[in-house]
C-alpha cells in the first residue's frame, strides 16, 4: 500500500507551463458512482437491521406493535435520507 502511494506521487506533478494540470472529469464520474454505491450499501444495511429489530420486538411484545411501527418508520427514514442527501450532493457536484 505504501509503495502504491509513493509511486502515485508523479500524478500530482505540475505541467510544463508551471500551472496546475486541468482536472480530469472522468474521475468525478467514477468517484460519484463509488460514493453512491457506498451510501446505498450502508442505507440497505441500516434498513435491514432496523426491520430485523422491529420484527424481533413485535415477536417479543405483540401489544406494542403500534409504537414499534412508529419508531420503525422513523428508523427507516433516517438511513434513506443518507442515500438521498448523497444523491443530491453528487448531482450538484457533477452538474457544476
C-alpha atoms as a PDB file:
ATOM      1  CA  UNK A   1       0.000   0.000   0.000  1.00  0.00           C
ATOM      2  CA  UNK A   2       2.807   2.375   0.881  1.00  0.00           C
ATOM      3  CA  UNK A   3       4.552   1.571  -2.398  1.00  0.00           C
ATOM      4  CA  UNK A   4       1.411   2.482  -4.355  1.00  0.00           C
ATOM      5  CA  UNK A   5       1.237   5.829  -2.590  1.00  0.00           C
ATOM      6  CA  UNK A   6       4.923   6.501  -3.249  1.00  0.00           C
ATOM      7  CA  UNK A   7       4.600   5.606  -6.938  1.00  0.00           C
ATOM      8  CA  UNK A   8       1.477   7.742  -7.331  1.00  0.00           C
ATOM      9  CA  UNK A   9       3.260  10.977  -6.367  1.00  0.00           C
ATOM     10  CA  UNK A  10       4.160  11.928 -10.004  1.00  0.00           C
ATOM     11  CA  UNK A  11       0.435  12.101 -10.646  1.00  0.00           C
ATOM     12  CA  UNK A  12       0.342  15.368  -8.695  1.00  0.00           C
ATOM     13  CA  UNK A  13       3.185  16.989 -10.681  1.00  0.00           C
ATOM     14  CA  UNK A  14       2.631  20.238 -12.498  1.00  0.00           C
ATOM     15  CA  UNK A  15       2.569  20.684 -16.239  1.00  0.00           C
ATOM     16  CA  UNK A  16       5.491  22.199 -18.180  1.00  0.00           C
ATOM     17  CA  UNK A  17       3.988  25.661 -18.101  1.00  0.00           C
ATOM     18  CA  UNK A  18       4.150  25.729 -14.318  1.00  0.00           C
ATOM     19  CA  UNK A  19       0.392  25.851 -13.856  1.00  0.00           C
ATOM     20  CA  UNK A  20      -1.701  23.120 -12.378  1.00  0.00           C
ATOM     21  CA  UNK A  21      -2.929  20.393 -14.707  1.00  0.00           C
ATOM     22  CA  UNK A  22      -6.524  20.512 -15.893  1.00  0.00           C
ATOM     23  CA  UNK A  23      -8.817  18.363 -13.749  1.00  0.00           C
ATOM     24  CA  UNK A  24      -9.826  15.074 -15.284  1.00  0.00           C
ATOM     25  CA  UNK A  25     -13.618  14.970 -15.377  1.00  0.00           C
ATOM     26  CA  UNK A  26     -13.708  11.195 -15.734  1.00  0.00           C
ATOM     27  CA  UNK A  27     -12.551  10.736 -12.149  1.00  0.00           C
ATOM     28  CA  UNK A  28     -15.511  12.793 -10.972  1.00  0.00           C
ATOM     29  CA  UNK A  29     -17.954  10.336 -12.531  1.00  0.00           C
ATOM     30  CA  UNK A  30     -16.114   7.335 -11.087  1.00  0.00           C
ATOM     31  CA  UNK A  31     -15.964   8.883  -7.619  1.00  0.00           C
ATOM     32  CA  UNK A  32     -19.645   9.795  -7.824  1.00  0.00           C
ATOM     33  CA  UNK A  33     -20.548   6.221  -8.716  1.00  0.00           C
ATOM     34  CA  UNK A  34     -18.498   4.765  -5.876  1.00  0.00           C
ATOM     35  CA  UNK A  35     -19.884   7.219  -3.327  1.00  0.00           C
ATOM     36  CA  UNK A  36     -23.459   6.461  -4.346  1.00  0.00           C
ATOM     37  CA  UNK A  37     -22.745   2.730  -4.183  1.00  0.00           C
ATOM     38  CA  UNK A  38     -21.279   3.040  -0.692  1.00  0.00           C
ATOM     39  CA  UNK A  39     -24.169   5.214   0.513  1.00  0.00           C
ATOM     40  CA  UNK A  40     -26.712   2.773  -0.924  1.00  0.00           C
ATOM     41  CA  UNK A  41     -24.960  -0.189   0.691  1.00  0.00           C
ATOM     42  CA  UNK A  42     -24.882   1.491   4.104  1.00  0.00           C
ATOM     43  CA  UNK A  43     -28.514   2.510   3.680  1.00  0.00           C
ATOM     44  CA  UNK A  44     -29.520  -1.061   2.853  1.00  0.00           C
ATOM     45  CA  UNK A  45     -27.620  -2.481   5.817  1.00  0.00           C
ATOM     46  CA  UNK A  46     -29.129   0.057   8.211  1.00  0.00           C
ATOM     47  CA  UNK A  47     -32.656  -0.535   6.948  1.00  0.00           C
ATOM     48  CA  UNK A  48     -32.206  -4.295   7.202  1.00  0.00           C
ATOM     49  CA  UNK A  49     -31.050  -4.010  10.791  1.00  0.00           C
ATOM     50  CA  UNK A  50     -33.969  -1.705  11.635  1.00  0.00           C
ATOM     51  CA  UNK A  51     -36.542  -4.087  10.173  1.00  0.00           C
ATOM     52  CA  UNK A  52     -34.933  -7.081  11.882  1.00  0.00           C
ATOM     53  CA  UNK A  53     -35.004  -5.313  15.239  1.00  0.00           C
ATOM     54  CA  UNK A  54     -38.636  -4.278  14.731  1.00  0.00           C
ATOM     55  CA  UNK A  55     -39.669  -7.833  13.829  1.00  0.00           C
ATOM     56  CA  UNK A  56     -37.901  -9.158  16.907  1.00  0.00           C
ATOM     57  CA  UNK A  57     -39.569  -6.522  19.098  1.00  0.00           C
ATOM     58  CA  UNK A  58     -43.044  -7.342  17.782  1.00  0.00           C
ATOM     59  CA  UNK A  59     -42.371 -11.043  18.294  1.00  0.00           C
ATOM     60  CA  UNK A  60     -41.430 -10.400  21.924  1.00  0.00           C
ATOM     61  CA  UNK A  61     -44.254  -7.965  22.675  1.00  0.00           C
ATOM     62  CA  UNK A  62     -47.150  -8.030  20.167  1.00  0.00           C
ATOM     63  CA  UNK A  63     -49.120  -5.493  22.209  1.00  0.00           C
ATOM     64  CA  UNK A  64     -46.596  -2.756  21.473  1.00  0.00           C
ATOM     65  CA  UNK A  65     -46.747  -3.147  17.712  1.00  0.00           C
ATOM     66  CA  UNK A  66     -48.266   0.328  17.123  1.00  0.00           C
ATOM     67  CA  UNK A  67     -45.460   2.168  18.923  1.00  0.00           C
ATOM     68  CA  UNK A  68     -42.856  -0.097  17.338  1.00  0.00           C
ATOM     69  CA  UNK A  69     -44.301   0.701  13.916  1.00  0.00           C
ATOM     70  CA  UNK A  70     -43.853   4.439  14.549  1.00  0.00           C
ATOM     71  CA  UNK A  71     -40.223   4.001  15.506  1.00  0.00           C
ATOM     72  CA  UNK A  72     -39.681   1.632  12.591  1.00  0.00           C
ATOM     73  CA  UNK A  73     -40.888   4.258  10.122  1.00  0.00           C
ATOM     74  CA  UNK A  74     -38.578   6.837  11.702  1.00  0.00           C
ATOM     75  CA  UNK A  75     -35.752   4.316  11.716  1.00  0.00           C
ATOM     76  CA  UNK A  76     -36.263   3.653   8.012  1.00  0.00           C
ATOM     77  CA  UNK A  77     -36.496   7.343   7.105  1.00  0.00           C
ATOM     78  CA  UNK A  78     -33.141   8.369   8.572  1.00  0.00           C
ATOM     79  CA  UNK A  79     -30.940   5.904   6.632  1.00  0.00           C
ATOM     80  CA  UNK A  80     -32.914   6.608   3.470  1.00  0.00           C
ATOM     81  CA  UNK A  81     -32.172  10.311   3.890  1.00  0.00           C
ATOM     82  CA  UNK A  82     -28.455   9.424   3.861  1.00  0.00           C
ATOM     83  CA  UNK A  83     -28.794   7.996   0.366  1.00  0.00           C
ATOM     84  CA  UNK A  84     -30.943  10.909  -0.813  1.00  0.00           C
ATOM     85  CA  UNK A  85     -28.513  13.514   0.552  1.00  0.00           C
ATOM     86  CA  UNK A  86     -25.630  11.684  -1.098  1.00  0.00           C
ATOM     87  CA  UNK A  87     -27.525  11.655  -4.390  1.00  0.00           C
ATOM     88  CA  UNK A  88     -28.269  15.384  -4.102  1.00  0.00           C
ATOM     89  CA  UNK A  89     -24.634  16.236  -3.364  1.00  0.00           C
ATOM     90  CA  UNK A  90     -23.422  14.085  -6.257  1.00  0.00           C
ATOM     91  CA  UNK A  91     -25.960  15.675  -8.598  1.00  0.00           C
ATOM     92  CA  UNK A  92     -24.871  19.164  -7.522  1.00  0.00           C
ATOM     93  CA  UNK A  93     -21.183  18.328  -7.908  1.00  0.00           C
ATOM     94  CA  UNK A  94     -21.420  16.547 -11.266  1.00  0.00           C
ATOM     95  CA  UNK A  95     -23.562  19.229 -12.931  1.00  0.00           C
ATOM     96  CA  UNK A  96     -21.191  22.064 -11.950  1.00  0.00           C
END
